[in-house]
């Protein structure tokens, strides 16, 4: 799994936007009195958090694989 630097930057932007969306969901839920709406916003926020964590793990895994390939190619004696 190789993610080049431009894609990694784009992925970081997506993760940041997903965090912003999750914060908006939480704010909407906090300002609402409708229990059904609050429950929906909580579920949506939880799903977004789950997918954000998955993207972070993909990014981290790609970074580790990238380093391992670099190490194997250039740093191994």
PDB file of N, CA and C in Angstrom:
ATOM      1  N   UNK A   1       0.845  -1.156   0.000  1.00  0.00           N
ATOM      2  CA  UNK A   1       0.000   0.000   0.000  1.00  0.00           C
ATOM      3  C   UNK A   1       0.896   1.226   0.000  1.00  0.00           C
ATOM      4  N   UNK A   2       0.883   1.948  -1.079  1.00  0.00           N
ATOM      5  CA  UNK A   2       1.723   3.129  -1.198  1.00  0.00           C
ATOM      6  C   UNK A   2       0.821   4.346  -1.360  1.00  0.00           C
ATOM      7  N   UNK A   3       1.043   5.320  -0.496  1.00  0.00           N
ATOM      8  CA  UNK A   3       0.344   6.593  -0.599  1.00  0.00           C
ATOM      9  C   UNK A   3       1.417   7.654  -0.773  1.00  0.00           C
ATOM     10  N   UNK A   4       1.383   8.341  -1.910  1.00  0.00           N
ATOM     11  CA  UNK A   4       2.408   9.356  -2.116  1.00  0.00           C
ATOM     12  C   UNK A   4       2.120  10.589  -1.255  1.00  0.00           C
ATOM     13  N   UNK A   5       3.062  11.513  -1.222  1.00  0.00           N
ATOM     14  CA  UNK A   5       2.961  12.668  -0.324  1.00  0.00           C
ATOM     15  C   UNK A   5       1.738  13.527  -0.612  1.00  0.00           C
ATOM     16  N   UNK A   6       1.395  13.720  -1.886  1.00  0.00           N
ATOM     17  CA  UNK A   6       0.222  14.528  -2.209  1.00  0.00           C
ATOM     18  C   UNK A   6      -1.059  13.852  -1.733  1.00  0.00           C
ATOM     19  N   UNK A   7      -1.136  12.538  -1.934  1.00  0.00           N
ATOM     20  CA  UNK A   7      -2.305  11.805  -1.456  1.00  0.00           C
ATOM     21  C   UNK A   7      -2.369  11.821   0.067  1.00  0.00           C
ATOM     22  N   UNK A   8      -1.220  11.722   0.713  1.00  0.00           N
ATOM     23  CA  UNK A   8      -1.197  11.744   2.181  1.00  0.00           C
ATOM     24  C   UNK A   8      -1.697  13.097   2.686  1.00  0.00           C
ATOM     25  N   UNK A   9      -1.305  14.178   2.042  1.00  0.00           N
ATOM     26  CA  UNK A   9      -1.795  15.505   2.419  1.00  0.00           C
ATOM     27  C   UNK A   9      -3.302  15.604   2.217  1.00  0.00           C
ATOM     28  N   UNK A  10      -3.793  15.079   1.099  1.00  0.00           N
ATOM     29  CA  UNK A  10      -5.236  15.072   0.844  1.00  0.00           C
ATOM     30  C   UNK A  10      -5.972  14.250   1.895  1.00  0.00           C
ATOM     31  N   UNK A  11      -5.382  13.136   2.286  1.00  0.00           N
ATOM     32  CA  UNK A  11      -5.988  12.291   3.302  1.00  0.00           C
ATOM     33  C   UNK A  11      -6.056  13.019   4.648  1.00  0.00           C
ATOM     34  N   UNK A  12      -5.025  13.761   4.982  1.00  0.00           N
ATOM     35  CA  UNK A  12      -5.036  14.547   6.226  1.00  0.00           C
ATOM     36  C   UNK A  12      -6.124  15.623   6.185  1.00  0.00           C
ATOM     37  N   UNK A  13      -6.329  16.219   5.025  1.00  0.00           N
ATOM     38  CA  UNK A  13      -7.384  17.230   4.871  1.00  0.00           C
ATOM     39  C   UNK A  13      -8.750  16.582   5.054  1.00  0.00           C
ATOM     40  N   UNK A  14      -8.944  15.409   4.475  1.00  0.00           N
ATOM     41  CA  UNK A  14     -10.216  14.692   4.621  1.00  0.00           C
ATOM     42  C   UNK A  14     -10.464  14.355   6.082  1.00  0.00           C
ATOM     43  N   UNK A  15      -9.442  13.886   6.774  1.00  0.00           N
ATOM     44  CA  UNK A  15      -9.586  13.556   8.198  1.00  0.00           C
ATOM     45  C   UNK A  15      -9.969  14.801   8.993  1.00  0.00           C
ATOM     46  N   UNK A  16      -9.342  15.929   8.697  1.00  0.00           N
ATOM     47  CA  UNK A  16      -9.670  17.177   9.400  1.00  0.00           C
ATOM     48  C   UNK A  16     -11.110  17.604   9.124  1.00  0.00           C
ATOM     49  N   UNK A  17     -11.555  17.478   7.884  1.00  0.00           N
ATOM     50  CA  UNK A  17     -12.935  17.842   7.531  1.00  0.00           C
ATOM     51  C   UNK A  17     -13.933  16.915   8.213  1.00  0.00           C
ATOM     52  N   UNK A  18     -13.594  15.639   8.317  1.00  0.00           N
ATOM     53  CA  UNK A  18     -14.478  14.699   9.001  1.00  0.00           C
ATOM     54  C   UNK A  18     -14.567  15.041  10.493  1.00  0.00           C
ATOM     55  N   UNK A  19     -13.458  15.465  11.080  1.00  0.00           N
ATOM     56  CA  UNK A  19     -13.487  15.899  12.476  1.00  0.00           C
ATOM     57  C   UNK A  19     -14.370  17.132  12.652  1.00  0.00           C
ATOM     58  N   UNK A  20     -14.293  18.063  11.698  1.00  0.00           N
ATOM     59  CA  UNK A  20     -15.139  19.254  11.753  1.00  0.00           C
ATOM     60  C   UNK A  20     -16.615  18.870  11.652  1.00  0.00           C
ATOM     61  N   UNK A  21     -16.925  17.934  10.761  1.00  0.00           N
ATOM     62  CA  UNK A  21     -18.312  17.490  10.600  1.00  0.00           C
ATOM     63  C   UNK A  21     -18.809  16.813  11.876  1.00  0.00           C
ATOM     64  N   UNK A  22     -17.973  16.024  12.489  1.00  0.00           N
ATOM     65  CA  UNK A  22     -18.351  15.366  13.735  1.00  0.00           C
ATOM     66  C   UNK A  22     -18.629  16.395  14.832  1.00  0.00           C
ATOM     67  N   UNK A  23     -17.822  17.439  14.889  1.00  0.00           N
ATOM     68  CA  UNK A  23     -18.039  18.510  15.870  1.00  0.00           C
ATOM     69  C   UNK A  23     -19.359  19.235  15.605  1.00  0.00           C
ATOM     70  N   UNK A  24     -19.691  19.416  14.334  1.00  0.00           N
ATOM     71  CA  UNK A  24     -20.964  20.065  13.981  1.00  0.00           C
ATOM     72  C   UNK A  24     -22.135  19.181  14.403  1.00  0.00           C
ATOM     73  N   UNK A  25     -22.019  17.864  14.154  1.00  0.00           N
ATOM     74  CA  UNK A  25     -23.070  16.937  14.587  1.00  0.00           C
ATOM     75  C   UNK A  25     -23.268  17.016  16.099  1.00  0.00           C
ATOM     76  N   UNK A  26     -22.174  17.043  16.826  1.00  0.00           N
ATOM     77  CA  UNK A  26     -22.254  17.109  18.294  1.00  0.00           C
ATOM     78  C   UNK A  26     -22.891  18.420  18.749  1.00  0.00           C
ATOM     79  N   UNK A  27     -22.536  19.514  18.080  1.00  0.00           N
ATOM     80  CA  UNK A  27     -23.101  20.810  18.428  1.00  0.00           C
ATOM     81  C   UNK A  27     -24.597  20.851  18.128  1.00  0.00           C
ATOM     82  N   UNK A  28     -24.994  20.286  16.985  1.00  0.00           N
ATOM     83  CA  UNK A  28     -26.418  20.230  16.647  1.00  0.00           C
ATOM     84  C   UNK A  28     -27.181  19.407  17.673  1.00  0.00           C
ATOM     85  N   UNK A  29     -26.601  18.280  18.072  1.00  0.00           N
ATOM     86  CA  UNK A  29     -27.263  17.421  19.049  1.00  0.00           C
ATOM     87  C   UNK A  29     -27.387  18.135  20.399  1.00  0.00           C
ATOM     88  N   UNK A  30     -26.371  18.881  20.770  1.00  0.00           N
ATOM     89  CA  UNK A  30     -26.392  19.572  22.060  1.00  0.00           C
ATOM     90  C   UNK A  30     -27.431  20.691  22.097  1.00  0.00           C
ATOM     91  N   UNK A  31     -27.719  21.271  20.946  1.00  0.00           N
ATOM     92  CA  UNK A  31     -28.643  22.406  20.889  1.00  0.00           C
ATOM     93  C   UNK A  31     -30.072  21.996  20.545  1.00  0.00           C
ATOM     94  N   UNK A  32     -30.348  20.708  20.485  1.00  0.00           N
ATOM     95  CA  UNK A  32     -31.673  20.244  20.089  1.00  0.00           C
ATOM     96  C   UNK A  32     -32.426  19.667  21.283  1.00  0.00           C
ATOM     97  N   UNK A  33     -33.738  19.776  21.222  1.00  0.00           N
ATOM     98  CA  UNK A  33     -34.581  19.174  22.255  1.00  0.00           C
ATOM     99  C   UNK A  33     -35.302  17.932  21.736  1.00  0.00           C
ATOM    100  N   UNK A  34     -35.211  17.684  20.440  1.00  0.00           N
ATOM    101  CA  UNK A  34     -35.849  16.514  19.835  1.00  0.00           C
ATOM    102  C   UNK A  34     -34.975  15.281  20.081  1.00  0.00           C
ATOM    103  N   UNK A  35     -35.469  14.344  20.855  1.00  0.00           N
ATOM    104  CA  UNK A  35     -34.691  13.161  21.224  1.00  0.00           C
ATOM    105  C   UNK A  35     -34.305  12.308  20.019  1.00  0.00           C
ATOM    106  N   UNK A  36     -35.207  12.184  19.052  1.00  0.00           N
ATOM    107  CA  UNK A  36     -34.895  11.387  17.857  1.00  0.00           C
ATOM    108  C   UNK A  36     -33.765  12.022  17.058  1.00  0.00           C
ATOM    109  N   UNK A  37     -33.818  13.333  16.914  1.00  0.00           N
ATOM    110  CA  UNK A  37     -32.766  14.047  16.187  1.00  0.00           C
ATOM    111  C   UNK A  37     -31.431  13.919  16.905  1.00  0.00           C
ATOM    112  N   UNK A  38     -31.458  14.044  18.232  1.00  0.00           N
ATOM    113  CA  UNK A  38     -30.229  13.911  19.017  1.00  0.00           C
ATOM    114  C   UNK A  38     -29.644  12.519  18.832  1.00  0.00           C
ATOM    115  N   UNK A  39     -30.496  11.499  18.842  1.00  0.00           N
ATOM    116  CA  UNK A  39     -30.023  10.121  18.654  1.00  0.00           C
ATOM    117  C   UNK A  39     -29.409   9.945  17.268  1.00  0.00           C
ATOM    118  N   UNK A  40     -30.044  10.502  16.249  1.00  0.00           N
ATOM    119  CA  UNK A  40     -29.505  10.409  14.889  1.00  0.00           C
ATOM    120  C   UNK A  40     -28.158  11.113  14.773  1.00  0.00           C
ATOM    121  N   UNK A  41     -28.034  12.279  15.383  1.00  0.00           N
ATOM    122  CA  UNK A  41     -26.771  13.013  15.342  1.00  0.00           C
ATOM    123  C   UNK A  41     -25.674  12.264  16.103  1.00  0.00           C
ATOM    124  N   UNK A  42     -26.037  11.632  17.211  1.00  0.00           N
ATOM    125  CA  UNK A  42     -25.060  10.838  17.961  1.00  0.00           C
ATOM    126  C   UNK A  42     -24.572   9.649  17.141  1.00  0.00           C
ATOM    127  N   UNK A  43     -25.504   8.994  16.452  1.00  0.00           N
ATOM    128  CA  UNK A  43     -25.125   7.854  15.609  1.00  0.00           C
ATOM    129  C   UNK A  43     -24.239   8.328  14.458  1.00  0.00           C
ATOM    130  N   UNK A  44     -24.629   9.416  13.816  1.00  0.00           N
ATOM    131  CA  UNK A  44     -23.838   9.946  12.699  1.00  0.00           C
ATOM    132  C   UNK A  44     -22.447  10.352  13.170  1.00  0.00           C
ATOM    133  N   UNK A  45     -22.367  10.976  14.331  1.00  0.00           N
ATOM    134  CA  UNK A  45     -21.074  11.386  14.871  1.00  0.00           C
ATOM    135  C   UNK A  45     -20.215  10.170  15.193  1.00  0.00           C
ATOM    136  N   UNK A  46     -20.828   9.146  15.745  1.00  0.00           N
ATOM    137  CA  UNK A  46     -20.098   7.915  16.038  1.00  0.00           C
ATOM    138  C   UNK A  46     -19.580   7.229  14.790  1.00  0.00           C
ATOM    139  N   UNK A  47     -20.407   7.194  13.754  1.00  0.00           N
ATOM    140  CA  UNK A  47     -19.964   6.588  12.488  1.00  0.00           C
ATOM    141  C   UNK A  47     -18.823   7.390  11.874  1.00  0.00           C
ATOM    142  N   UNK A  48     -18.938   8.701  11.923  1.00  0.00           N
ATOM    143  CA  UNK A  48     -17.862   9.528  11.378  1.00  0.00           C
ATOM    144  C   UNK A  48     -16.568   9.327  12.150  1.00  0.00           C
ATOM    145  N   UNK A  49     -16.664   9.213  13.455  1.00  0.00           N
ATOM    146  CA  UNK A  49     -15.483   8.959  14.273  1.00  0.00           C
ATOM    147  C   UNK A  49     -14.863   7.618  13.920  1.00  0.00           C
ATOM    148  N   UNK A  50     -15.706   6.615  13.710  1.00  0.00           N
ATOM    149  CA  UNK A  50     -15.226   5.282  13.330  1.00  0.00           C
ATOM    150  C   UNK A  50     -14.464   5.343  12.010  1.00  0.00           C
ATOM    151  N   UNK A  51     -15.058   5.991  11.005  1.00  0.00           N
ATOM    152  CA  UNK A  51     -14.401   6.066   9.698  1.00  0.00           C
ATOM    153  C   UNK A  51     -13.153   6.944   9.738  1.00  0.00           C
ATOM    154  N   UNK A  52     -13.164   7.974  10.557  1.00  0.00           N
ATOM    155  CA  UNK A  52     -11.976   8.806  10.721  1.00  0.00           C
ATOM    156  C   UNK A  52     -10.832   7.992  11.313  1.00  0.00           C
ATOM    157  N   UNK A  53     -11.151   7.190  12.320  1.00  0.00           N
ATOM    158  CA  UNK A  53     -10.124   6.326  12.914  1.00  0.00           C
ATOM    159  C   UNK A  53      -9.589   5.318  11.901  1.00  0.00           C
ATOM    160  N   UNK A  54     -10.476   4.786  11.067  1.00  0.00           N
ATOM    161  CA  UNK A  54     -10.039   3.850  10.025  1.00  0.00           C
ATOM    162  C   UNK A  54      -9.095   4.540   9.036  1.00  0.00           C
ATOM    163  N   UNK A  55      -9.430   5.754   8.628  1.00  0.00           N
ATOM    164  CA  UNK A  55      -8.550   6.495   7.715  1.00  0.00           C
ATOM    165  C   UNK A  55      -7.207   6.785   8.361  1.00  0.00           C
ATOM    166  N   UNK A  56      -7.219   7.125   9.643  1.00  0.00           N
ATOM    167  CA  UNK A  56      -5.954   7.355  10.347  1.00  0.00           C
ATOM    168  C   UNK A  56      -5.102   6.087  10.364  1.00  0.00           C
ATOM    169  N   UNK A  57      -5.741   4.939  10.603  1.00  0.00           N
ATOM    170  CA  UNK A  57      -4.971   3.691  10.646  1.00  0.00           C
ATOM    171  C   UNK A  57      -4.436   3.340   9.262  1.00  0.00           C
ATOM    172  N   UNK A  58      -5.203   3.604   8.215  1.00  0.00           N
ATOM    173  CA  UNK A  58      -4.711   3.376   6.850  1.00  0.00           C
ATOM    174  C   UNK A  58      -3.518   4.267   6.572  1.00  0.00           C
ATOM    175  N   UNK A  59      -3.617   5.526   6.975  1.00  0.00           N
ATOM    176  CA  UNK A  59      -2.526   6.467   6.770  1.00  0.00           C
ATOM    177  C   UNK A  59      -1.281   6.020   7.540  1.00  0.00           C
ATOM    178  N   UNK A  60      -1.461   5.611   8.783  1.00  0.00           N
ATOM    179  CA  UNK A  60      -0.321   5.155   9.587  1.00  0.00           C
ATOM    180  C   UNK A  60       0.296   3.892   9.007  1.00  0.00           C
ATOM    181  N   UNK A  61      -0.553   2.956   8.614  1.00  0.00           N
ATOM    182  CA  UNK A  61      -0.052   1.710   8.035  1.00  0.00           C
ATOM    183  C   UNK A  61       0.712   1.975   6.740  1.00  0.00           C
ATOM    184  N   UNK A  62       0.181   2.865   5.907  1.00  0.00           N
ATOM    185  CA  UNK A  62       0.869   3.206   4.660  1.00  0.00           C
ATOM    186  C   UNK A  62       2.208   3.863   4.958  1.00  0.00           C
ATOM    187  N   UNK A  63       2.249   4.687   5.986  1.00  0.00           N
ATOM    188  CA  UNK A  63       3.494   5.350   6.362  1.00  0.00           C
ATOM    189  C   UNK A  63       4.527   4.321   6.837  1.00  0.00           C
ATOM    190  N   UNK A  64       4.085   3.355   7.628  1.00  0.00           N
ATOM    191  CA  UNK A  64       5.006   2.314   8.102  1.00  0.00           C
ATOM    192  C   UNK A  64       5.507   1.447   6.945  1.00  0.00           C
ATOM    193  N   UNK A  65       4.617   1.100   6.039  1.00  0.00           N
ATOM    194  CA  UNK A  65       5.025   0.296   4.883  1.00  0.00           C
ATOM    195  C   UNK A  65       6.000   1.085   4.022  1.00  0.00           C
ATOM    196  N   UNK A  66       5.713   2.370   3.841  1.00  0.00           N
ATOM    197  CA  UNK A  66       6.605   3.233   3.068  1.00  0.00           C
ATOM    198  C   UNK A  66       7.986   3.269   3.695  1.00  0.00           C
ATOM    199  N   UNK A  67       8.051   3.420   5.026  1.00  0.00           N
ATOM    200  CA  UNK A  67       9.345   3.446   5.702  1.00  0.00           C
ATOM    201  C   UNK A  67      10.049   2.089   5.582  1.00  0.00           C
ATOM    202  N   UNK A  68       9.294   1.004   5.724  1.00  0.00           N
ATOM    203  CA  UNK A  68       9.895  -0.333   5.627  1.00  0.00           C
ATOM    204  C   UNK A  68      10.502  -0.551   4.240  1.00  0.00           C
ATOM    205  N   UNK A  69       9.789  -0.116   3.210  1.00  0.00           N
ATOM    206  CA  UNK A  69      10.319  -0.243   1.850  1.00  0.00           C
ATOM    207  C   UNK A  69      11.559   0.631   1.673  1.00  0.00           C
ATOM    208  N   UNK A  70      11.533   1.836   2.203  1.00  0.00           N
ATOM    209  CA  UNK A  70      12.688   2.729   2.137  1.00  0.00           C
ATOM    210  C   UNK A  70      13.867   2.101   2.863  1.00  0.00           C
ATOM    211  N   UNK A  71      13.615   1.574   4.047  1.00  0.00           N
ATOM    212  CA  UNK A  71      14.681   0.947   4.836  1.00  0.00           C
ATOM    213  C   UNK A  71      15.272  -0.234   4.084  1.00  0.00           C
ATOM    214  N   UNK A  72      14.417  -1.066   3.530  1.00  0.00           N
ATOM    215  CA  UNK A  72      14.869  -2.253   2.801  1.00  0.00           C
ATOM    216  C   UNK A  72      15.713  -1.852   1.585  1.00  0.00           C
ATOM    217  N   UNK A  73      15.290  -0.810   0.905  1.00  0.00           N
ATOM    218  CA  UNK A  73      15.958  -0.414  -0.334  1.00  0.00           C
ATOM    219  C   UNK A  73      17.248   0.361  -0.095  1.00  0.00           C
ATOM    220  N   UNK A  74      17.262   1.273   0.884  1.00  0.00           N
ATOM    221  CA  UNK A  74      18.375   2.210   0.993  1.00  0.00           C
ATOM    222  C   UNK A  74      19.216   2.064   2.269  1.00  0.00           C
ATOM    223  N   UNK A  75      18.684   1.548   3.342  1.00  0.00           N
ATOM    224  CA  UNK A  75      19.401   1.565   4.595  1.00  0.00           C
ATOM    225  C   UNK A  75      19.961   0.213   5.004  1.00  0.00           C
ATOM    226  N   UNK A  76      19.549  -0.810   4.339  1.00  0.00           N
ATOM    227  CA  UNK A  76      20.030  -2.144   4.701  1.00  0.00           C
ATOM    228  C   UNK A  76      21.443  -2.339   4.134  1.00  0.00           C
ATOM    229  N   UNK A  77      22.286  -2.897   4.936  1.00  0.00           N
ATOM    230  CA  UNK A  77      23.687  -3.125   4.504  1.00  0.00           C
ATOM    231  C   UNK A  77      23.836  -4.362   3.688  1.00  0.00           C
TER     232      UNK A  77
END
